[in-house]
N, C-alpha and C. Protein backbone atom coordinates (compact mmCIF):
# COMPACT_ATOMS: atom_id res chain seq x y z
N VAL A 1 -24.54 -6.11 -92.53
CA VAL A 1 -23.83 -4.67 -92.33
C VAL A 1 -23.24 -4.23 -93.54
N GLY A 2 -22.26 -4.98 -94.00
CA GLY A 2 -21.96 -4.61 -95.04
C GLY A 2 -20.48 -5.36 -95.65
N GLU A 3 -19.71 -5.46 -96.81
CA GLU A 3 -18.77 -5.88 -97.17
C GLU A 3 -17.67 -5.16 -96.63
N GLY A 4 -16.52 -5.87 -96.72
CA GLY A 4 -15.23 -4.74 -96.44
C GLY A 4 -15.43 -4.39 -94.95
N ARG A 5 -15.85 -5.10 -94.17
CA ARG A 5 -15.77 -4.42 -92.69
C ARG A 5 -15.17 -6.08 -91.73
N THR A 6 -14.68 -5.54 -90.41
CA THR A 6 -14.27 -6.75 -89.44
C THR A 6 -15.45 -7.55 -89.06
N ASP A 7 -15.19 -8.78 -88.42
CA ASP A 7 -16.10 -9.36 -88.06
C ASP A 7 -17.01 -8.61 -87.03
N ASP A 8 -16.20 -7.43 -85.85
CA ASP A 8 -17.05 -7.03 -84.93
C ASP A 8 -17.82 -5.99 -85.61
N GLU A 9 -17.66 -5.46 -86.71
CA GLU A 9 -18.48 -4.43 -87.35
C GLU A 9 -19.78 -5.23 -87.95
N ASN A 10 -19.39 -6.52 -88.45
CA ASN A 10 -20.47 -7.25 -88.88
C ASN A 10 -21.43 -7.81 -87.93
N LEU A 11 -21.34 -7.54 -86.60
CA LEU A 11 -22.20 -8.21 -85.74
C LEU A 11 -23.10 -6.97 -85.31
N SER A 12 -24.22 -7.01 -85.67
CA SER A 12 -25.20 -6.09 -85.72
C SER A 12 -25.76 -5.66 -84.27
N LEU A 13 -26.04 -7.01 -83.61
CA LEU A 13 -26.81 -6.85 -82.28
C LEU A 13 -26.33 -7.94 -81.57
N TYR A 14 -25.67 -7.55 -80.04
CA TYR A 14 -25.45 -8.47 -78.99
C TYR A 14 -26.04 -8.08 -77.79
N LEU A 15 -26.73 -8.66 -77.11
CA LEU A 15 -27.04 -8.39 -75.84
C LEU A 15 -26.84 -9.29 -74.48
N ARG A 16 -26.28 -8.44 -73.45
CA ARG A 16 -25.89 -9.40 -72.34
C ARG A 16 -26.79 -8.91 -71.52
N PHE A 17 -27.87 -8.07 -71.75
CA PHE A 17 -28.87 -7.69 -70.30
C PHE A 17 -28.00 -7.31 -69.18
N SER A 18 -27.05 -6.72 -69.03
CA SER A 18 -26.38 -6.07 -68.37
C SER A 18 -27.30 -5.11 -67.57
N GLU A 19 -27.92 -4.56 -67.91
CA GLU A 19 -28.88 -3.73 -67.28
C GLU A 19 -29.57 -4.27 -66.21
N GLY A 20 -29.66 -5.62 -66.09
CA GLY A 20 -30.18 -6.27 -64.70
C GLY A 20 -29.54 -5.62 -63.53
N GLU A 21 -28.22 -5.13 -63.61
CA GLU A 21 -27.48 -4.79 -62.44
C GLU A 21 -28.16 -3.57 -61.84
N ASN A 22 -28.53 -2.65 -62.49
CA ASN A 22 -29.13 -1.59 -61.95
C ASN A 22 -30.74 -1.33 -61.84
N GLY A 23 -31.16 -2.34 -62.46
CA GLY A 23 -32.97 -2.36 -62.31
C GLY A 23 -33.50 -1.43 -63.27
N ARG A 24 -32.89 -0.40 -64.00
CA ARG A 24 -33.96 0.28 -64.82
C ARG A 24 -34.08 0.09 -66.21
N TRP A 25 -33.97 -1.33 -66.62
CA TRP A 25 -34.18 -1.82 -67.58
C TRP A 25 -35.93 -1.87 -67.80
N THR A 26 -36.50 -1.82 -67.13
CA THR A 26 -37.96 -1.73 -67.26
C THR A 26 -38.24 -0.48 -67.82
N ASP A 27 -37.57 0.59 -67.42
CA ASP A 27 -38.18 1.93 -68.19
C ASP A 27 -36.84 2.52 -69.67
N ASP A 28 -35.51 1.80 -69.32
CA ASP A 28 -34.82 2.24 -70.35
C ASP A 28 -34.41 1.10 -71.67
N GLY A 29 -35.03 -0.14 -71.19
CA GLY A 29 -34.74 -1.28 -72.12
C GLY A 29 -33.36 -1.74 -72.15
N PHE A 30 -32.91 -2.20 -73.24
CA PHE A 30 -31.35 -2.79 -73.05
C PHE A 30 -30.85 -2.39 -74.24
N LYS A 31 -29.51 -1.91 -74.14
CA LYS A 31 -28.66 -1.42 -75.05
C LYS A 31 -27.57 -2.67 -75.59
N ASP A 32 -27.58 -2.96 -76.75
CA ASP A 32 -26.31 -3.93 -77.09
C ASP A 32 -25.51 -3.42 -77.25
N ILE A 33 -24.35 -4.30 -76.98
CA ILE A 33 -22.93 -3.89 -76.84
C ILE A 33 -21.89 -3.53 -78.12
N THR A 34 -22.56 -3.49 -79.01
CA THR A 34 -21.97 -3.33 -80.71
C THR A 34 -21.84 -2.10 -80.71
N VAL A 35 -20.86 -1.55 -81.59
CA VAL A 35 -20.53 -0.09 -82.17
C VAL A 35 -22.03 0.70 -82.41
N TYR A 36 -22.99 -0.38 -82.73
CA TYR A 36 -24.09 0.56 -83.33
C TYR A 36 -25.10 0.75 -82.07
N GLY A 37 -24.99 0.43 -81.07
CA GLY A 37 -25.90 0.75 -79.94
C GLY A 37 -27.42 0.66 -79.98
N ASN A 38 -27.75 -0.44 -80.62
CA ASN A 38 -29.15 -0.63 -80.81
C ASN A 38 -29.80 -0.63 -79.71
N LYS A 39 -31.09 -0.40 -79.73
CA LYS A 39 -32.00 -0.50 -78.08
C LYS A 39 -32.81 -1.57 -78.37
N VAL A 40 -33.01 -2.35 -77.43
CA VAL A 40 -34.35 -3.24 -77.36
C VAL A 40 -35.23 -2.91 -76.36
N ILE A 41 -36.53 -2.77 -76.54
CA ILE A 41 -37.49 -2.42 -75.24
C ILE A 41 -38.29 -3.92 -75.17
N LEU A 42 -39.15 -4.07 -73.81
CA LEU A 42 -39.90 -5.12 -73.69
C LEU A 42 -41.07 -4.71 -73.81
N MET A 43 -41.92 -5.58 -74.43
CA MET A 43 -43.59 -5.35 -74.26
C MET A 43 -43.93 -6.14 -73.10
N ASN A 44 -44.90 -5.63 -72.33
CA ASN A 44 -45.24 -6.22 -71.23
C ASN A 44 -44.12 -6.61 -70.50
N GLU A 45 -43.79 -5.66 -69.98
CA GLU A 45 -42.05 -6.24 -69.08
C GLU A 45 -42.63 -6.58 -67.76
N ASN A 46 -43.72 -6.42 -67.33
CA ASN A 46 -43.91 -6.98 -65.75
C ASN A 46 -43.98 -8.28 -65.97
N LEU A 47 -43.93 -8.98 -67.26
CA LEU A 47 -43.93 -10.66 -67.35
C LEU A 47 -42.24 -11.13 -67.21
N PHE A 48 -41.56 -10.31 -67.21
CA PHE A 48 -40.17 -10.59 -67.42
C PHE A 48 -39.30 -10.10 -65.86
N THR A 49 -38.22 -10.68 -65.57
CA THR A 49 -37.21 -10.25 -64.77
C THR A 49 -35.88 -10.83 -65.32
N VAL A 50 -34.93 -10.08 -64.64
CA VAL A 50 -33.55 -10.28 -65.33
C VAL A 50 -32.88 -10.71 -64.11
N ALA A 51 -32.12 -11.69 -64.32
CA ALA A 51 -31.16 -12.68 -63.21
C ALA A 51 -29.59 -13.00 -63.79
N LYS A 52 -28.93 -12.95 -63.07
CA LYS A 52 -27.65 -13.29 -63.49
C LYS A 52 -27.48 -14.37 -63.64
N THR A 53 -26.69 -14.93 -64.65
CA THR A 53 -27.00 -16.18 -65.77
C THR A 53 -26.01 -17.13 -64.96
N SER A 54 -26.84 -18.45 -65.27
CA SER A 54 -26.31 -19.58 -64.58
C SER A 54 -25.58 -20.48 -65.61
N SER A 55 -25.43 -19.84 -67.01
CA SER A 55 -25.00 -20.58 -68.21
C SER A 55 -23.43 -20.48 -68.22
N ASN A 56 -22.80 -21.60 -68.75
CA ASN A 56 -21.36 -21.40 -68.69
C ASN A 56 -20.93 -20.80 -69.99
N VAL A 57 -20.84 -19.54 -69.75
CA VAL A 57 -20.45 -18.56 -71.02
C VAL A 57 -19.15 -17.73 -70.72
N ASP A 58 -18.72 -17.18 -71.98
CA ASP A 58 -17.60 -16.67 -71.45
C ASP A 58 -17.91 -15.13 -71.05
N GLU A 59 -17.23 -14.87 -69.66
CA GLU A 59 -17.17 -13.90 -68.92
C GLU A 59 -16.89 -12.41 -69.20
N GLY A 60 -16.05 -12.70 -70.34
CA GLY A 60 -15.14 -11.17 -71.13
C GLY A 60 -13.97 -11.21 -70.07
N GLU A 61 -13.33 -9.95 -70.11
CA GLU A 61 -12.41 -9.60 -69.46
C GLU A 61 -12.70 -8.71 -68.12
N HIS A 62 -12.25 -9.12 -66.81
CA HIS A 62 -12.90 -8.55 -65.86
C HIS A 62 -12.56 -7.36 -65.77
N GLY A 63 -13.56 -6.53 -65.46
CA GLY A 63 -13.41 -4.99 -65.43
C GLY A 63 -13.51 -4.33 -66.90
N LYS A 64 -13.73 -5.00 -67.63
CA LYS A 64 -14.08 -4.41 -69.22
C LYS A 64 -15.53 -4.63 -69.51
N VAL A 65 -16.02 -6.08 -69.09
CA VAL A 65 -17.26 -6.53 -69.79
C VAL A 65 -18.21 -6.86 -68.62
N ARG A 66 -19.40 -6.06 -68.39
CA ARG A 66 -20.23 -6.49 -67.32
C ARG A 66 -20.76 -7.64 -67.36
N PRO A 67 -21.42 -8.13 -66.42
CA PRO A 67 -21.66 -9.48 -66.26
C PRO A 67 -23.06 -10.01 -67.34
N LEU A 68 -23.25 -11.20 -67.67
CA LEU A 68 -24.24 -11.66 -68.42
C LEU A 68 -25.37 -11.63 -67.57
N TYR A 69 -26.47 -11.61 -67.82
CA TYR A 69 -27.73 -11.71 -67.55
C TYR A 69 -28.58 -12.56 -68.29
N ASP A 70 -29.62 -13.01 -67.59
CA ASP A 70 -30.53 -13.72 -68.43
C ASP A 70 -32.05 -13.03 -68.27
N LEU A 71 -32.87 -13.05 -69.77
CA LEU A 71 -34.03 -12.33 -69.41
C LEU A 71 -35.05 -13.55 -69.26
N VAL A 72 -35.82 -13.25 -68.07
CA VAL A 72 -36.62 -14.50 -67.65
C VAL A 72 -38.09 -14.34 -67.60
N PHE A 73 -38.77 -15.56 -68.16
CA PHE A 73 -40.09 -15.20 -68.17
C PHE A 73 -40.65 -15.57 -66.62
N GLN A 74 -41.70 -14.48 -66.02
CA GLN A 74 -41.83 -14.88 -64.79
C GLN A 74 -42.88 -16.25 -64.67
N ARG A 75 -43.67 -16.39 -65.81
CA ARG A 75 -44.74 -17.19 -65.81
C ARG A 75 -45.10 -17.33 -66.91
N ASP A 76 -45.93 -18.40 -67.49
CA ASP A 76 -46.21 -18.36 -68.78
C ASP A 76 -47.42 -17.50 -69.19
N THR A 77 -47.32 -16.99 -70.29
CA THR A 77 -48.60 -15.81 -70.54
C THR A 77 -49.79 -16.73 -71.21
N LEU A 78 -50.82 -16.00 -71.07
CA LEU A 78 -52.22 -16.13 -71.42
C LEU A 78 -52.51 -16.07 -72.85
N ALA A 79 -53.47 -16.24 -73.21
CA ALA A 79 -53.60 -16.34 -74.85
C ALA A 79 -53.79 -14.84 -75.43
N HIS A 80 -54.53 -13.97 -74.40
CA HIS A 80 -54.54 -12.69 -74.83
C HIS A 80 -53.31 -11.69 -74.30
N GLU A 81 -52.58 -12.23 -73.87
CA GLU A 81 -51.15 -11.61 -73.45
C GLU A 81 -50.10 -11.13 -74.54
N GLN A 82 -49.46 -10.14 -74.84
CA GLN A 82 -48.53 -10.21 -75.78
C GLN A 82 -47.19 -9.95 -74.95
N ALA A 83 -46.17 -10.71 -75.13
CA ALA A 83 -44.85 -10.53 -74.81
C ALA A 83 -43.74 -10.51 -75.55
N GLY A 84 -42.66 -9.72 -75.37
CA GLY A 84 -41.48 -10.12 -76.04
C GLY A 84 -40.79 -8.67 -76.25
N VAL A 85 -39.52 -9.09 -77.23
CA VAL A 85 -38.88 -7.77 -77.32
C VAL A 85 -39.28 -7.24 -78.62
N ALA A 86 -38.96 -5.83 -78.39
CA ALA A 86 -39.00 -4.89 -79.78
C ALA A 86 -38.15 -4.18 -80.04
N ILE A 87 -37.55 -4.19 -81.25
CA ILE A 87 -36.37 -3.26 -81.83
C ILE A 87 -36.46 -2.53 -82.99
N LYS A 88 -36.27 -1.21 -82.91
CA LYS A 88 -36.58 -0.33 -83.81
C LYS A 88 -35.32 -0.50 -84.86
N VAL A 89 -35.80 -0.84 -86.04
CA VAL A 89 -35.07 -1.25 -87.35
C VAL A 89 -35.08 -0.03 -88.46
N PRO A 90 -34.50 1.32 -88.30
CA PRO A 90 -34.65 2.46 -89.31
C PRO A 90 -33.89 1.67 -90.49
N ARG A 91 -34.34 2.07 -91.73
CA ARG A 91 -33.89 1.74 -93.07
C ARG A 91 -32.28 2.39 -92.84
N GLY A 92 -31.49 1.73 -93.33
CA GLY A 92 -30.13 1.69 -93.55
C GLY A 92 -29.43 1.58 -92.40
N SER A 93 -30.07 0.97 -91.04
CA SER A 93 -29.23 0.88 -90.08
C SER A 93 -28.61 -0.74 -89.85
N SER A 94 -27.86 -1.12 -89.02
CA SER A 94 -27.16 -2.17 -89.04
C SER A 94 -28.00 -3.37 -89.00
N LEU A 95 -29.31 -3.41 -88.53
CA LEU A 95 -30.46 -4.38 -88.43
C LEU A 95 -31.13 -4.25 -89.80
N ASP A 96 -30.99 -3.62 -90.49
CA ASP A 96 -31.89 -3.63 -91.85
C ASP A 96 -31.09 -4.51 -92.72
N VAL A 97 -31.83 -5.74 -92.73
CA VAL A 97 -31.35 -6.58 -93.78
C VAL A 97 -32.78 -7.27 -94.45
N GLY A 98 -32.41 -7.61 -95.51
CA GLY A 98 -34.06 -8.31 -96.23
C GLY A 98 -33.60 -8.52 -97.72
N MET A 99 -34.88 -9.13 -98.33
CA MET A 99 -34.66 -9.29 -99.77
C MET A 99 -34.48 -8.32 -100.72
N PHE A 100 -35.26 -6.86 -100.28
CA PHE A 100 -35.41 -6.05 -101.29
C PHE A 100 -33.99 -4.97 -101.65
N HIS A 101 -32.94 -5.20 -100.79
CA HIS A 101 -32.01 -4.82 -101.54
C HIS A 101 -31.26 -5.12 -102.67
N SER A 102 -30.58 -4.50 -103.35
CA SER A 102 -30.18 -4.75 -104.84
C SER A 102 -28.97 -5.55 -104.56
N SER A 103 -28.29 -5.98 -105.80
CA SER A 103 -27.31 -6.89 -105.81
C SER A 103 -25.91 -5.86 -105.39
N ALA A 104 -25.96 -4.42 -105.53
CA ALA A 104 -24.81 -3.77 -105.10
C ALA A 104 -24.69 -4.27 -103.55
N HIS A 105 -25.83 -4.40 -102.79
CA HIS A 105 -25.54 -4.63 -101.39
C HIS A 105 -25.72 -6.02 -101.20
N ASP A 106 -25.19 -6.90 -101.54
CA ASP A 106 -25.41 -8.46 -101.37
C ASP A 106 -25.59 -8.87 -99.87
N SER A 107 -24.59 -8.22 -99.06
CA SER A 107 -24.59 -8.54 -97.81
C SER A 107 -25.72 -8.65 -97.20
N ARG A 108 -26.56 -7.48 -97.42
CA ARG A 108 -27.75 -7.05 -96.92
C ARG A 108 -29.05 -7.79 -97.33
N GLN A 109 -28.63 -8.77 -97.87
CA GLN A 109 -29.81 -9.69 -98.11
C GLN A 109 -29.87 -11.00 -97.51
N ARG A 110 -28.79 -11.20 -96.73
CA ARG A 110 -28.72 -12.31 -95.94
C ARG A 110 -28.33 -12.02 -94.60
N ALA A 111 -28.87 -12.95 -93.42
CA ALA A 111 -28.60 -12.52 -91.99
C ALA A 111 -28.37 -13.61 -91.14
N THR A 112 -27.68 -14.02 -90.21
CA THR A 112 -27.90 -15.01 -89.42
C THR A 112 -28.47 -14.70 -88.09
N LEU A 113 -29.52 -15.34 -87.64
CA LEU A 113 -29.94 -15.04 -86.24
C LEU A 113 -29.30 -16.01 -85.03
N GLU A 114 -28.89 -15.94 -84.27
CA GLU A 114 -28.69 -16.66 -83.25
C GLU A 114 -29.12 -16.28 -81.85
N PHE A 115 -29.84 -17.60 -81.35
CA PHE A 115 -30.52 -17.38 -80.01
C PHE A 115 -30.21 -18.48 -78.98
N TRP A 116 -30.00 -18.33 -78.18
CA TRP A 116 -29.73 -19.33 -77.24
C TRP A 116 -30.90 -19.43 -75.63
N TYR A 117 -31.41 -20.20 -75.76
CA TYR A 117 -32.61 -20.33 -74.80
C TYR A 117 -32.72 -21.87 -74.17
N PHE A 118 -33.18 -22.01 -72.94
CA PHE A 118 -33.25 -22.87 -72.49
C PHE A 118 -34.64 -23.19 -71.84
């Protein structure tokens, strides 16, 4: 995201899949809880379900942060099926990182991706 920003501002995407509470995620996708509000949609959403997590995670402050949900595959995918998440990354957005940025934007040349999976 850039130099001179807080830790929260440098967090570009954080998903809790809290939309699992209302069931509209199959149509609306998932919105991250950062200040950037990136949207994640599912490819072949009928292969997924969203379930309240059984993981030992920080639940956040009661009443301020919605519960954490897990994105769960309903079954194994077949070789001809495509399934996953898609995120639109407009040029200059918080998710726009890569090797083609100039040295004036050094922080956009590196990123850390963290996934928890079981």
